[in-house]
Amino acid sequence: MKDIKWIFVMYSLGAVLSMSAIGIGVGMRSILVVVLAIVALLLIMGNGFKTKARMRREGTL
């Protein structure tokens, strides 16, 4: 591993925080928090996968 791709570290931290928010929402019994956290998780992971695919196409990964 030569260098760290910091953008992927940020995406993974965002995904972990979203997953934690799902658990917190379940604990609070708040459907709104759970739904918002799931939407955030899908957006973050989707952007991460799109970024990875783009970087592979460009040869920068």
PDB file of N, CA and C in Angstrom:
ATOM      1  N   MET A   1       0.847  -1.173   0.000  1.00  0.00           N
ATOM      2  CA  MET A   1       0.000   0.000   0.000  1.00  0.00           C
ATOM      3  C   MET A   1       0.890   1.232   0.000  1.00  0.00           C
ATOM      4  N   LYS A   2       0.882   1.941  -1.094  1.00  0.00           N
ATOM      5  CA  LYS A   2       1.827   3.044  -1.256  1.00  0.00           C
ATOM      6  C   LYS A   2       1.332   4.344  -0.658  1.00  0.00           C
ATOM      7  N   ASP A   3       0.088   4.692  -0.898  1.00  0.00           N
ATOM      8  CA  ASP A   3      -0.441   5.921  -0.331  1.00  0.00           C
ATOM      9  C   ASP A   3      -1.911   5.742   0.019  1.00  0.00           C
ATOM     10  N   ILE A   4      -2.363   6.612   0.880  1.00  0.00           N
ATOM     11  CA  ILE A   4      -3.746   6.522   1.349  1.00  0.00           C
ATOM     12  C   ILE A   4      -4.613   7.398   0.460  1.00  0.00           C
ATOM     13  N   LYS A   5      -5.710   6.854   0.008  1.00  0.00           N
ATOM     14  CA  LYS A   5      -6.701   7.628  -0.736  1.00  0.00           C
ATOM     15  C   LYS A   5      -7.666   8.212   0.286  1.00  0.00           C
ATOM     16  N   TRP A   6      -7.432   9.446   0.682  1.00  0.00           N
ATOM     17  CA  TRP A   6      -8.175  10.062   1.768  1.00  0.00           C
ATOM     18  C   TRP A   6      -9.663  10.199   1.460  1.00  0.00           C
ATOM     19  N   ILE A   7     -10.018  10.330   0.198  1.00  0.00           N
ATOM     20  CA  ILE A   7     -11.425  10.449  -0.148  1.00  0.00           C
ATOM     21  C   ILE A   7     -12.184   9.188   0.255  1.00  0.00           C
ATOM     22  N   PHE A   8     -11.546   8.028   0.107  1.00  0.00           N
ATOM     23  CA  PHE A   8     -12.209   6.778   0.493  1.00  0.00           C
ATOM     24  C   PHE A   8     -12.282   6.624   2.008  1.00  0.00           C
ATOM     25  N   VAL A   9     -11.330   7.178   2.718  1.00  0.00           N
ATOM     26  CA  VAL A   9     -11.393   7.184   4.181  1.00  0.00           C
ATOM     27  C   VAL A   9     -12.597   8.008   4.628  1.00  0.00           C
ATOM     28  N   MET A  10     -12.803   9.151   3.980  1.00  0.00           N
ATOM     29  CA  MET A  10     -13.939  10.005   4.328  1.00  0.00           C
ATOM     30  C   MET A  10     -15.274   9.326   4.002  1.00  0.00           C
ATOM     31  N   TYR A  11     -15.339   8.677   2.830  1.00  0.00           N
ATOM     32  CA  TYR A  11     -16.561   7.951   2.479  1.00  0.00           C
ATOM     33  C   TYR A  11     -16.847   6.844   3.482  1.00  0.00           C
ATOM     34  N   SER A  12     -15.816   6.116   3.888  1.00  0.00           N
ATOM     35  CA  SER A  12     -16.041   5.012   4.825  1.00  0.00           C
ATOM     36  C   SER A  12     -16.452   5.525   6.199  1.00  0.00           C
ATOM     37  N   LEU A  13     -15.867   6.618   6.650  1.00  0.00           N
ATOM     38  CA  LEU A  13     -16.276   7.194   7.930  1.00  0.00           C
ATOM     39  C   LEU A  13     -17.721   7.683   7.871  1.00  0.00           C
ATOM     40  N   GLY A  14     -18.092   8.287   6.760  1.00  0.00           N
ATOM     41  CA  GLY A  14     -19.477   8.723   6.601  1.00  0.00           C
ATOM     42  C   GLY A  14     -20.443   7.556   6.614  1.00  0.00           C
ATOM     43  N   ALA A  15     -20.059   6.453   5.971  1.00  0.00           N
ATOM     44  CA  ALA A  15     -20.914   5.268   5.954  1.00  0.00           C
ATOM     45  C   ALA A  15     -21.041   4.673   7.356  1.00  0.00           C
ATOM     46  N   VAL A  16     -19.950   4.626   8.089  1.00  0.00           N
ATOM     47  CA  VAL A  16     -19.992   4.096   9.455  1.00  0.00           C
ATOM     48  C   VAL A  16     -20.873   4.972  10.345  1.00  0.00           C
ATOM     49  N   LEU A  17     -20.757   6.276  10.187  1.00  0.00           N
ATOM     50  CA  LEU A  17     -21.599   7.176  10.976  1.00  0.00           C
ATOM     51  C   LEU A  17     -23.073   7.014  10.615  1.00  0.00           C
ATOM     52  N   SER A  18     -23.362   6.800   9.347  1.00  0.00           N
ATOM     53  CA  SER A  18     -24.748   6.580   8.929  1.00  0.00           C
ATOM     54  C   SER A  18     -25.286   5.277   9.508  1.00  0.00           C
ATOM     55  N   MET A  19     -24.469   4.236   9.499  1.00  0.00           N
ATOM     56  CA  MET A  19     -24.905   2.967  10.091  1.00  0.00           C
ATOM     57  C   MET A  19     -25.139   3.123  11.594  1.00  0.00           C
ATOM     58  N   SER A  20     -24.288   3.886  12.246  1.00  0.00           N
ATOM     59  CA  SER A  20     -24.479   4.143  13.674  1.00  0.00           C
ATOM     60  C   SER A  20     -25.756   4.929  13.917  1.00  0.00           C
ATOM     61  N   ALA A  21     -26.052   5.863  13.031  1.00  0.00           N
ATOM     62  CA  ALA A  21     -27.270   6.656  13.164  1.00  0.00           C
ATOM     63  C   ALA A  21     -28.512   5.782  13.012  1.00  0.00           C
ATOM     64  N   ILE A  22     -28.420   4.739  12.195  1.00  0.00           N
ATOM     65  CA  ILE A  22     -29.540   3.806  12.079  1.00  0.00           C
ATOM     66  C   ILE A  22     -29.793   3.146  13.426  1.00  0.00           C
ATOM     67  N   GLY A  23     -28.741   2.690  14.068  1.00  0.00           N
ATOM     68  CA  GLY A  23     -28.877   2.077  15.384  1.00  0.00           C
ATOM     69  C   GLY A  23     -29.404   3.044  16.427  1.00  0.00           C
ATOM     70  N   ILE A  24     -28.939   4.271  16.382  1.00  0.00           N
ATOM     71  CA  ILE A  24     -29.414   5.279  17.324  1.00  0.00           C
ATOM     72  C   ILE A  24     -30.896   5.563  17.081  1.00  0.00           C
ATOM     73  N   GLY A  25     -31.276   5.646  15.805  1.00  0.00           N
ATOM     74  CA  GLY A  25     -32.683   5.878  15.474  1.00  0.00           C
ATOM     75  C   GLY A  25     -33.576   4.749  15.942  1.00  0.00           C
ATOM     76  N   VAL A  26     -33.089   3.517  15.814  1.00  0.00           N
ATOM     77  CA  VAL A  26     -33.867   2.373  16.305  1.00  0.00           C
ATOM     78  C   VAL A  26     -34.004   2.464  17.827  1.00  0.00           C
ATOM     79  N   GLY A  27     -32.926   2.823  18.486  1.00  0.00           N
ATOM     80  CA  GLY A  27     -32.968   2.959  19.938  1.00  0.00           C
ATOM     81  C   GLY A  27     -33.910   4.066  20.394  1.00  0.00           C
ATOM     82  N   MET A  28     -33.972   5.131  19.617  1.00  0.00           N
ATOM     83  CA  MET A  28     -34.878   6.232  19.935  1.00  0.00           C
ATOM     84  C   MET A  28     -36.307   5.950  19.480  1.00  0.00           C
ATOM     85  N   ARG A  29     -36.488   4.883  18.719  1.00  0.00           N
ATOM     86  CA  ARG A  29     -37.785   4.543  18.118  1.00  0.00           C
ATOM     87  C   ARG A  29     -38.295   5.659  17.231  1.00  0.00           C
ATOM     88  N   SER A  30     -37.366   6.217  16.447  1.00  0.00           N
ATOM     89  CA  SER A  30     -37.691   7.318  15.546  1.00  0.00           C
ATOM     90  C   SER A  30     -37.549   6.832  14.108  1.00  0.00           C
ATOM     91  N   ILE A  31     -38.670   6.678  13.443  1.00  0.00           N
ATOM     92  CA  ILE A  31     -38.648   6.215  12.055  1.00  0.00           C
ATOM     93  C   ILE A  31     -37.987   7.258  11.164  1.00  0.00           C
ATOM     94  N   LEU A  32     -38.182   8.537  11.469  1.00  0.00           N
ATOM     95  CA  LEU A  32     -37.593   9.606  10.668  1.00  0.00           C
ATOM     96  C   LEU A  32     -36.067   9.534  10.670  1.00  0.00           C
ATOM     97  N   VAL A  33     -35.477   9.339  11.844  1.00  0.00           N
ATOM     98  CA  VAL A  33     -34.017   9.246  11.942  1.00  0.00           C
ATOM     99  C   VAL A  33     -33.510   8.027  11.176  1.00  0.00           C
ATOM    100  N   VAL A  34     -34.199   6.908  11.304  1.00  0.00           N
ATOM    101  CA  VAL A  34     -33.786   5.684  10.611  1.00  0.00           C
ATOM    102  C   VAL A  34     -33.846   5.881   9.101  1.00  0.00           C
ATOM    103  N   VAL A  35     -34.937   6.453   8.612  1.00  0.00           N
ATOM    104  CA  VAL A  35     -35.093   6.655   7.166  1.00  0.00           C
ATOM    105  C   VAL A  35     -34.037   7.627   6.646  1.00  0.00           C
ATOM    106  N   LEU A  36     -33.817   8.716   7.350  1.00  0.00           N
ATOM    107  CA  LEU A  36     -32.797   9.684   6.918  1.00  0.00           C
ATOM    108  C   LEU A  36     -31.398   9.065   6.925  1.00  0.00           C
ATOM    109  N   ALA A  37     -31.109   8.249   7.914  1.00  0.00           N
ATOM    110  CA  ALA A  37     -29.798   7.599   7.988  1.00  0.00           C
ATOM    111  C   ALA A  37     -29.625   6.590   6.861  1.00  0.00           C
ATOM    112  N   ILE A  38     -30.683   5.876   6.509  1.00  0.00           N
ATOM    113  CA  ILE A  38     -30.594   4.921   5.398  1.00  0.00           C
ATOM    114  C   ILE A  38     -30.376   5.653   4.085  1.00  0.00           C
ATOM    115  N   VAL A  39     -31.092   6.759   3.884  1.00  0.00           N
ATOM    116  CA  VAL A  39     -30.899   7.558   2.663  1.00  0.00           C
ATOM    117  C   VAL A  39     -29.471   8.090   2.605  1.00  0.00           C
ATOM    118  N   ALA A  40     -28.971   8.594   3.732  1.00  0.00           N
ATOM    119  CA  ALA A  40     -27.596   9.101   3.772  1.00  0.00           C
ATOM    120  C   ALA A  40     -26.603   7.988   3.466  1.00  0.00           C
ATOM    121  N   LEU A  41     -26.832   6.802   4.010  1.00  0.00           N
ATOM    122  CA  LEU A  41     -25.944   5.670   3.761  1.00  0.00           C
ATOM    123  C   LEU A  41     -25.922   5.303   2.283  1.00  0.00           C
ATOM    124  N   LEU A  42     -27.089   5.258   1.671  1.00  0.00           N
ATOM    125  CA  LEU A  42     -27.153   4.927   0.236  1.00  0.00           C
ATOM    126  C   LEU A  42     -26.437   5.976  -0.614  1.00  0.00           C
ATOM    127  N   LEU A  43     -26.619   7.238  -0.274  1.00  0.00           N
ATOM    128  CA  LEU A  43     -25.956   8.307  -1.035  1.00  0.00           C
ATOM    129  C   LEU A  43     -24.434   8.255  -0.872  1.00  0.00           C
ATOM    130  N   ILE A  44     -23.987   8.069   0.353  1.00  0.00           N
ATOM    131  CA  ILE A  44     -22.542   8.040   0.623  1.00  0.00           C
ATOM    132  C   ILE A  44     -21.898   6.843  -0.066  1.00  0.00           C
ATOM    133  N   MET A  45     -22.494   5.665   0.089  1.00  0.00           N
ATOM    134  CA  MET A  45     -21.905   4.473  -0.520  1.00  0.00           C
ATOM    135  C   MET A  45     -21.980   4.542  -2.040  1.00  0.00           C
ATOM    136  N   GLY A  46     -23.075   5.063  -2.561  1.00  0.00           N
ATOM    137  CA  GLY A  46     -23.197   5.215  -4.009  1.00  0.00           C
ATOM    138  C   GLY A  46     -22.136   6.135  -4.573  1.00  0.00           C
ATOM    139  N   ASN A  47     -21.914   7.261  -3.901  1.00  0.00           N
ATOM    140  CA  ASN A  47     -20.865   8.182  -4.348  1.00  0.00           C
ATOM    141  C   ASN A  47     -19.485   7.554  -4.235  1.00  0.00           C
ATOM    142  N   GLY A  48     -19.268   6.763  -3.199  1.00  0.00           N
ATOM    143  CA  GLY A  48     -17.979   6.084  -3.052  1.00  0.00           C
ATOM    144  C   GLY A  48     -17.721   5.105  -4.187  1.00  0.00           C
ATOM    145  N   PHE A  49     -18.742   4.323  -4.533  1.00  0.00           N
ATOM    146  CA  PHE A  49     -18.582   3.374  -5.637  1.00  0.00           C
ATOM    147  C   PHE A  49     -18.409   4.085  -6.967  1.00  0.00           C
ATOM    148  N   LYS A  50     -19.141   5.192  -7.170  1.00  0.00           N
ATOM    149  CA  LYS A  50     -18.983   5.954  -8.414  1.00  0.00           C
ATOM    150  C   LYS A  50     -17.588   6.557  -8.521  1.00  0.00           C
ATOM    151  N   THR A  51     -17.083   7.059  -7.404  1.00  0.00           N
ATOM    152  CA  THR A  51     -15.737   7.637  -7.389  1.00  0.00           C
ATOM    153  C   THR A  51     -14.692   6.567  -7.691  1.00  0.00           C
ATOM    154  N   LYS A  52     -14.856   5.399  -7.099  1.00  0.00           N
ATOM    155  CA  LYS A  52     -13.908   4.309  -7.334  1.00  0.00           C
ATOM    156  C   LYS A  52     -13.928   3.878  -8.800  1.00  0.00           C
ATOM    157  N   ALA A  53     -15.121   3.759  -9.383  1.00  0.00           N
ATOM    158  CA  ALA A  53     -15.227   3.367 -10.793  1.00  0.00           C
ATOM    159  C   ALA A  53     -14.595   4.424 -11.698  1.00  0.00           C
ATOM    160  N   ARG A  54     -14.849   5.705 -11.392  1.00  0.00           N
ATOM    161  CA  ARG A  54     -14.269   6.786 -12.192  1.00  0.00           C
ATOM    162  C   ARG A  54     -12.742   6.780 -12.099  1.00  0.00           C
ATOM    163  N   MET A  55     -12.219   6.566 -10.899  1.00  0.00           N
ATOM    164  CA  MET A  55     -10.777   6.566 -10.726  1.00  0.00           C
ATOM    165  C   MET A  55     -10.136   5.374 -11.412  1.00  0.00           C
ATOM    166  N   ARG A  56     -10.830   4.223 -11.444  1.00  0.00           N
ATOM    167  CA  ARG A  56     -10.312   3.076 -12.181  1.00  0.00           C
ATOM    168  C   ARG A  56     -10.260   3.360 -13.676  1.00  0.00           C
ATOM    169  N   ARG A  57     -11.327   4.002 -14.200  1.00  0.00           N
ATOM    170  CA  ARG A  57     -11.338   4.348 -15.631  1.00  0.00           C
ATOM    171  C   ARG A  57     -10.208   5.301 -15.977  1.00  0.00           C
ATOM    172  N   GLU A  58      -9.961   6.259 -15.106  1.00  0.00           N
ATOM    173  CA  GLU A  58      -8.909   7.253 -15.343  1.00  0.00           C
ATOM    174  C   GLU A  58      -7.523   6.716 -15.064  1.00  0.00           C
ATOM    175  N   GLY A  59      -7.438   5.585 -14.383  1.00  0.00           N
ATOM    176  CA  GLY A  59      -6.144   4.990 -14.058  1.00  0.00           C
ATOM    177  C   GLY A  59      -5.459   5.627 -12.871  1.00  0.00           C
ATOM    178  N   THR A  60      -6.208   6.335 -12.029  1.00  0.00           N
ATOM    179  CA  THR A  60      -5.609   6.998 -10.872  1.00  0.00           C
ATOM    180  C   THR A  60      -5.777   6.196  -9.590  1.00  0.00           C
ATOM    181  N   LEU A  61      -6.337   5.022  -9.673  1.00  0.00           N
ATOM    182  CA  LEU A  61      -6.574   4.232  -8.463  1.00  0.00           C
ATOM    183  C   LEU A  61      -5.423   3.332  -8.181  1.00  0.00           C
TER     184      LEU A  61
END
